[in-house]
């Protein structure tokens, strides 16, 4: 089993929270060692003092504006100190988000379970799938500039071909598997003929398909975002990062 397969065998919820913790602790440590913490602490304390002053002088508009100006200056200096560690952590986080989108944004297509493939095209086309011995086209719905194919197949890697008269052949690849693996599921194709293909992979729900908060079903991004905020708050207090 490869490292990627080992990682992908972990439950999606634990994987997202685990990555969130690792990235957050690295970000906090970078922030701690690449900023002047004594200066950051002083600026933060002065900002808190200015906030208290603003509350105490809410009735004095002139004094309030004067304090707000000082607070904005301190805040700008605080942000300037924060900018350097942000550069170091920004690119790894963007790369991680790209990996999440490619691996954890959707559930896989499961063997033996029907799924839809919607093909948007400006011209008529013939569809073929290889290998064709392990997949079945169960139904086809034709609309204006699109066709919806309902498919079912065995576990494996497949290539779908689109052939139109006087148009270069186009193709996409998709996977049917029990593992947390998929391709697409949205393909934007260049040139004439078939323009877009959408496969009906369900969106990943780390907490399960039945868990919701007043009708909202949390996906990978909100799960990562909320856990990162919690970890960041806890780690900053433990490591005394300002």
Foldseek 3Di string as FASTA:
>chain_A
DDPVQVLLVDQLLCSLLVVLLVLLVVLLVLLQVQFDQVLLVVLVVLLVVLVVVLVVPVVPVVVNVVSVVVNVVSVVVNVVRRVVSCVVSVVVVVVVVVVCVQFPFFAAAAAFDKWKKKWFAPADWDKDKPPPVFKDFPDWDDDVRMIMTIMHGGFDKMKMWIDDPPFDIDIDIWGHDPTRHIPDQWDADDDHTTGIMHIPTHTHQSVDPPDDDVPHGDGSVVSSVVSSVVSNVVSCVVVVGD
